[in-house]
Amino acid sequence: MSDYQPAKIDYPEYTSSELNEINVYQMRSDSNEFEHLAHVSLNEPKLTVRWVKMDVDEGWKHILESCKDLHEAGYPGCIGCGGPNSELPWDEPKNRLRLTL
């Protein structure tokens, strides 16, 4: 990601574990505390966390492909490069309903 945005210095951090999960965190600018942004696993996290319902191998591949696609589209600064409705606020409860169908 730094190849596309060399001036950016505050990238999300991640953890992985023996539990076959990845957790992504971002430092909050208002409190200097980490916010749990995303969870890659087949186990459902709290509703405040974006859930990528995949195993770790598939999840990493999907995350890297998505980052590459967004960068090539001009992110950040591109309008609509995230696809239909990408400018709307994220609705995690609605996304989880889609995952269970």
C-alpha atoms as a PDB file:
ATOM      1  CA  MET A   1       0.000   0.000   0.000  1.00  0.00           C
ATOM      2  CA  SER A   2       2.846   2.381   0.701  1.00  0.00           C
ATOM      3  CA  ASP A   3       3.901   2.162  -2.966  1.00  0.00           C
ATOM      4  CA  TYR A   4       0.602   3.835  -3.891  1.00  0.00           C
ATOM      5  CA  GLN A   5       0.609   6.334  -0.993  1.00  0.00           C
ATOM      6  CA  PRO A   6       4.190   7.057   0.088  1.00  0.00           C
ATOM      7  CA  ALA A   7       3.123   9.993   2.303  1.00  0.00           C
ATOM      8  CA  LYS A   8       0.724   7.857   4.348  1.00  0.00           C
ATOM      9  CA  ILE A   9       2.209   6.765   7.656  1.00  0.00           C
ATOM     10  CA  ASP A  10      -0.789   5.579   9.703  1.00  0.00           C
ATOM     11  CA  TYR A  11      -1.764   2.218   8.258  1.00  0.00           C
ATOM     12  CA  PRO A  12      -4.116  -0.173  10.036  1.00  0.00           C
ATOM     13  CA  GLU A  13      -2.469  -2.824  12.175  1.00  0.00           C
ATOM     14  CA  TYR A  14      -3.460  -6.458  12.271  1.00  0.00           C
ATOM     15  CA  THR A  15      -3.118  -9.509  14.462  1.00  0.00           C
ATOM     16  CA  SER A  16      -3.496 -13.149  13.566  1.00  0.00           C
ATOM     17  CA  SER A  17      -3.701 -16.147  15.828  1.00  0.00           C
ATOM     18  CA  GLU A  18      -3.851 -19.893  16.076  1.00  0.00           C
ATOM     19  CA  LEU A  19      -7.645 -19.500  16.038  1.00  0.00           C
ATOM     20  CA  ASN A  20      -7.596 -18.977  12.245  1.00  0.00           C
ATOM     21  CA  GLU A  21      -8.635 -15.331  12.436  1.00  0.00           C
ATOM     22  CA  ILE A  22      -7.292 -11.907  11.489  1.00  0.00           C
ATOM     23  CA  ASN A  23      -8.186  -8.742  13.371  1.00  0.00           C
ATOM     24  CA  VAL A  24      -7.591  -5.288  11.874  1.00  0.00           C
ATOM     25  CA  TYR A  25      -7.207  -2.197  14.073  1.00  0.00           C
ATOM     26  CA  GLN A  26      -6.811   1.526  13.354  1.00  0.00           C
ATOM     27  CA  MET A  27      -5.570   4.158  15.790  1.00  0.00           C
ATOM     28  CA  ARG A  28      -8.363   6.620  16.601  1.00  0.00           C
ATOM     29  CA  SER A  29      -7.249  10.204  16.051  1.00  0.00           C
ATOM     30  CA  ASP A  30      -9.419  11.515  18.886  1.00  0.00           C
ATOM     31  CA  SER A  31      -8.202   9.220  21.680  1.00  0.00           C
ATOM     32  CA  ASN A  32      -4.975   7.461  20.608  1.00  0.00           C
ATOM     33  CA  GLU A  33      -6.690   4.126  21.241  1.00  0.00           C
ATOM     34  CA  PHE A  34      -7.029   1.306  18.751  1.00  0.00           C
ATOM     35  CA  GLU A  35     -10.449   0.706  17.220  1.00  0.00           C
ATOM     36  CA  HIS A  36     -11.297  -2.839  16.096  1.00  0.00           C
ATOM     37  CA  LEU A  37     -12.276  -2.324  12.445  1.00  0.00           C
ATOM     38  CA  ALA A  38     -12.494  -5.761  10.874  1.00  0.00           C
ATOM     39  CA  HIS A  39     -12.442  -9.449  11.713  1.00  0.00           C
ATOM     40  CA  VAL A  40     -11.614 -12.165   9.176  1.00  0.00           C
ATOM     41  CA  SER A  41     -12.890 -15.504  10.424  1.00  0.00           C
ATOM     42  CA  LEU A  42     -15.787 -17.899  10.216  1.00  0.00           C
ATOM     43  CA  ASN A  43     -16.619 -16.902  13.838  1.00  0.00           C
ATOM     44  CA  GLU A  44     -18.871 -13.849  14.156  1.00  0.00           C
ATOM     45  CA  PRO A  45     -17.459 -10.830  16.063  1.00  0.00           C
ATOM     46  CA  LYS A  46     -19.346  -8.002  17.828  1.00  0.00           C
ATOM     47  CA  LEU A  47     -21.747  -6.081  15.607  1.00  0.00           C
ATOM     48  CA  THR A  48     -19.540  -2.970  15.768  1.00  0.00           C
ATOM     49  CA  VAL A  49     -16.801  -4.803  13.825  1.00  0.00           C
ATOM     50  CA  ARG A  50     -16.877  -5.381  10.058  1.00  0.00           C
ATOM     51  CA  TRP A  51     -16.981  -9.130   9.509  1.00  0.00           C
ATOM     52  CA  VAL A  52     -15.208 -10.738   6.566  1.00  0.00           C
ATOM     53  CA  LYS A  53     -16.707 -14.229   6.766  1.00  0.00           C
ATOM     54  CA  MET A  54     -13.833 -16.241   5.293  1.00  0.00           C
ATOM     55  CA  ASP A  55     -11.010 -18.409   6.522  1.00  0.00           C
ATOM     56  CA  VAL A  56      -7.664 -16.659   6.926  1.00  0.00           C
ATOM     57  CA  ASP A  57      -6.081 -17.790   3.640  1.00  0.00           C
ATOM     58  CA  GLU A  58      -9.085 -16.801   1.550  1.00  0.00           C
ATOM     59  CA  GLY A  59      -9.562 -13.615   3.607  1.00  0.00           C
ATOM     60  CA  TRP A  60      -5.983 -12.364   3.111  1.00  0.00           C
ATOM     61  CA  LYS A  61      -6.243 -12.993  -0.613  1.00  0.00           C
ATOM     62  CA  HIS A  62      -9.535 -11.071  -0.775  1.00  0.00           C
ATOM     63  CA  ILE A  63      -8.197  -8.146   1.287  1.00  0.00           C
ATOM     64  CA  LEU A  64      -5.064  -7.789  -0.836  1.00  0.00           C
ATOM     65  CA  GLU A  65      -7.018  -8.003  -4.095  1.00  0.00           C
ATOM     66  CA  SER A  66      -9.512  -5.390  -2.850  1.00  0.00           C
ATOM     67  CA  CYS A  67      -6.716  -3.025  -1.774  1.00  0.00           C
ATOM     68  CA  LYS A  68      -5.010  -3.416  -5.141  1.00  0.00           C
ATOM     69  CA  ASP A  69      -8.274  -2.782  -7.032  1.00  0.00           C
ATOM     70  CA  LEU A  70      -9.026   0.349  -4.985  1.00  0.00           C
ATOM     71  CA  HIS A  71      -5.505   1.720  -5.449  1.00  0.00           C
ATOM     72  CA  GLU A  72      -5.613   1.140  -9.193  1.00  0.00           C
ATOM     73  CA  ALA A  73      -8.975   2.944  -9.308  1.00  0.00           C
ATOM     74  CA  GLY A  74      -7.405   5.998  -7.672  1.00  0.00           C
ATOM     75  CA  TYR A  75      -8.319   5.544  -4.009  1.00  0.00           C
ATOM     76  CA  PRO A  76      -8.308   7.708  -1.988  1.00  0.00           C
ATOM     77  CA  GLY A  77      -9.881  10.539  -3.872  1.00  0.00           C
ATOM     78  CA  CYS A  78     -11.804   8.525  -6.434  1.00  0.00           C
ATOM     79  CA  ILE A  79     -15.573   8.980  -6.462  1.00  0.00           C
ATOM     80  CA  GLY A  80     -17.458   5.710  -6.712  1.00  0.00           C
ATOM     81  CA  CYS A  81     -14.349   3.543  -7.067  1.00  0.00           C
ATOM     82  CA  GLY A  82     -15.686   1.225  -4.368  1.00  0.00           C
ATOM     83  CA  GLY A  83     -18.640   0.237  -6.509  1.00  0.00           C
ATOM     84  CA  PRO A  84     -22.385   0.900  -6.221  1.00  0.00           C
ATOM     85  CA  ASN A  85     -23.429   2.627  -2.982  1.00  0.00           C
ATOM     86  CA  SER A  86     -19.802   2.886  -1.828  1.00  0.00           C
ATOM     87  CA  GLU A  87     -20.290   6.510  -0.769  1.00  0.00           C
ATOM     88  CA  LEU A  88     -23.020   5.573   1.733  1.00  0.00           C
ATOM     89  CA  PRO A  89     -22.245   4.817   5.404  1.00  0.00           C
ATOM     90  CA  TRP A  90     -21.458   1.146   6.044  1.00  0.00           C
ATOM     91  CA  ASP A  91     -24.380  -0.885   7.419  1.00  0.00           C
ATOM     92  CA  GLU A  92     -22.881  -3.869   9.249  1.00  0.00           C
ATOM     93  CA  PRO A  93     -26.227  -5.348  10.429  1.00  0.00           C
ATOM     94  CA  LYS A  94     -27.486  -5.335   6.817  1.00  0.00           C
ATOM     95  CA  ASN A  95     -24.223  -6.901   5.645  1.00  0.00           C
ATOM     96  CA  ARG A  96     -24.531  -9.689   8.227  1.00  0.00           C
ATOM     97  CA  LEU A  97     -28.030 -10.503   7.020  1.00  0.00           C
ATOM     98  CA  ARG A  98     -26.605 -10.901   3.511  1.00  0.00           C
ATOM     99  CA  LEU A  99     -23.859 -13.197   4.861  1.00  0.00           C
ATOM    100  CA  THR A 100     -26.348 -15.576   6.446  1.00  0.00           C
ATOM    101  CA  LEU A 101     -28.461 -16.028   3.308  1.00  0.00           C
END
